[in-house]
C-alpha atoms as a PDB file:
ATOM      1  CA  MET A   1     -32.069  45.544-154.952  1.00  0.00           C
ATOM      2  CA  SER A   2     -29.274  43.215-154.036  1.00  0.00           C
ATOM      3  CA  GLY A   3     -30.069  40.145-156.268  1.00  0.00           C
ATOM      4  CA  GLN A   4     -31.216  38.209-153.038  1.00  0.00           C
ATOM      5  CA  PRO A   5     -34.819  36.936-153.089  1.00  0.00           C
ATOM      6  CA  SER A   6     -37.105  38.660-150.696  1.00  0.00           C
ATOM      7  CA  GLY A   7     -37.382  37.141-147.130  1.00  0.00           C
ATOM      8  CA  SER A   8     -33.750  35.616-147.252  1.00  0.00           C
ATOM      9  CA  GLY A   9     -32.792  36.921-143.893  1.00  0.00           C
ATOM     10  CA  ASN A  10     -31.024  40.242-145.335  1.00  0.00           C
ATOM     11  CA  GLY A  11     -33.057  42.582-143.318  1.00  0.00           C
ATOM     12  CA  THR A  12     -36.231  41.898-145.026  1.00  0.00           C
ATOM     13  CA  ALA A  13     -39.427  41.116-143.574  1.00  0.00           C
ATOM     14  CA  GLY A  14     -38.686  37.135-143.981  1.00  0.00           C
ATOM     15  CA  GLY A  15     -36.014  37.649-141.779  1.00  0.00           C
ATOM     16  CA  LEU A  16     -37.951  39.602-139.455  1.00  0.00           C
ATOM     17  CA  VAL A  17     -40.654  36.907-139.082  1.00  0.00           C
ATOM     18  CA  ARG A  18     -37.744  34.315-138.844  1.00  0.00           C
ATOM     19  CA  SER A  19     -36.439  36.277-135.725  1.00  0.00           C
ATOM     20  CA  PHE A  20     -40.181  35.873-134.192  1.00  0.00           C
ATOM     21  CA  SER A  21     -39.519  32.004-134.374  1.00  0.00           C
ATOM     22  CA  ARG A  22     -36.503  32.314-132.456  1.00  0.00           C
ATOM     23  CA  ASP A  23     -37.711  34.727-129.514  1.00  0.00           C
ATOM     24  CA  PRO A  24     -38.794  32.385-126.392  1.00  0.00           C
ATOM     25  CA  SER A  25     -41.216  34.852-125.434  1.00  0.00           C
ATOM     26  CA  VAL A  26     -43.117  34.644-128.647  1.00  0.00           C
ATOM     27  CA  ARG A  27     -42.703  30.791-128.896  1.00  0.00           C
ATOM     28  CA  SER A  28     -44.174  30.096-125.524  1.00  0.00           C
ATOM     29  CA  ARG A  29     -47.365  32.184-126.339  1.00  0.00           C
ATOM     30  CA  ASP A  30     -50.502  30.304-127.483  1.00  0.00           C
ATOM     31  CA  LEU A  31     -52.825  31.585-129.934  1.00  0.00           C
ATOM     32  CA  SER A  32     -55.975  32.881-128.630  1.00  0.00           C
ATOM     33  CA  PRO A  33     -59.180  30.382-129.283  1.00  0.00           C
ATOM     34  CA  GLY A  34     -61.066  32.975-131.237  1.00  0.00           C
ATOM     35  CA  ILE A  35     -58.257  33.546-133.886  1.00  0.00           C
ATOM     36  CA  TRP A  36     -59.598  30.689-136.062  1.00  0.00           C
ATOM     37  CA  ARG A  37     -62.760  31.920-136.753  1.00  0.00           C
ATOM     38  CA  PRO A  38     -61.460  35.099-138.701  1.00  0.00           C
ATOM     39  CA  ILE A  39     -58.917  33.052-140.494  1.00  0.00           C
ATOM     40  CA  GLY A  40     -61.499  30.408-141.355  1.00  0.00           C
ATOM     41  CA  GLY A  41     -64.008  33.288-142.897  1.00  0.00           C
ATOM     42  CA  ALA A  42     -61.014  34.829-144.817  1.00  0.00           C
ATOM     43  CA  ALA A  43     -60.367  31.152-146.247  1.00  0.00           C
ATOM     44  CA  ALA A  44     -63.993  30.463-146.907  1.00  0.00           C
ATOM     45  CA  PRO A  45     -64.280  32.049-150.326  1.00  0.00           C
ATOM     46  CA  ASP A  46     -61.376  29.673-151.542  1.00  0.00           C
ATOM     47  CA  ARG A  47     -62.133  26.702-149.490  1.00  0.00           C
ATOM     48  CA  ARG A  48     -62.634  24.513-152.708  1.00  0.00           C
ATOM     49  CA  MET A  49     -59.330  25.317-154.171  1.00  0.00           C
ATOM     50  CA  LEU A  50     -57.519  25.025-150.921  1.00  0.00           C
ATOM     51  CA  LEU A  51     -58.859  21.516-150.470  1.00  0.00           C
ATOM     52  CA  ILE A  52     -58.094  20.731-154.225  1.00  0.00           C
ATOM     53  CA  PHE A  53     -54.536  22.069-153.682  1.00  0.00           C
ATOM     54  CA  LEU A  54     -53.917  19.833-150.227  1.00  0.00           C
ATOM     55  CA  ALA A  55     -55.418  17.105-152.114  1.00  0.00           C
ATOM     56  CA  LEU A  56     -52.914  17.371-154.821  1.00  0.00           C
ATOM     57  CA  ILE A  57     -49.946  17.770-152.548  1.00  0.00           C
ATOM     58  CA  VAL A  58     -50.943  14.604-150.537  1.00  0.00           C
ATOM     59  CA  ALA A  59     -51.187  12.658-153.604  1.00  0.00           C
ATOM     60  CA  ASP A  60     -47.810  14.032-154.866  1.00  0.00           C
ATOM     61  CA  ALA A  61     -45.897  13.296-151.965  1.00  0.00           C
ATOM     62  CA  PRO A  62     -45.651   9.511-152.264  1.00  0.00           C
ATOM     63  CA  VAL A  63     -44.901   9.807-155.710  1.00  0.00           C
ATOM     64  CA  ARG A  64     -42.041  12.142-154.885  1.00  0.00           C
ATOM     65  CA  ALA A  65     -40.949   9.906-152.287  1.00  0.00           C
ATOM     66  CA  ALA A  66     -40.957   6.862-154.445  1.00  0.00           C
ATOM     67  CA  ASN A  67     -39.245   8.318-157.418  1.00  0.00           C
ATOM     68  CA  PRO A  68     -35.770   7.860-156.344  1.00  0.00           C
ATOM     69  CA  LEU A  69     -36.416   3.959-155.553  1.00  0.00           C
ATOM     70  CA  ILE A  70     -37.697   3.301-158.840  1.00  0.00           C
END
């Protein structure tokens, strides 16, 4: 191991995914309309925890933004 975290662009999967976002042929493609149903189905068992997590993130954002101003 090189000591770098995984996905840091050192030839790992993170670098590969990042290269997709730079490729204009990939960025210009739209997701198919039917893709959201399987994603929602996979996330359905964890919906409550995802909503709690999202609520905590939204509630924490103003506190962290105001902290330097205090």
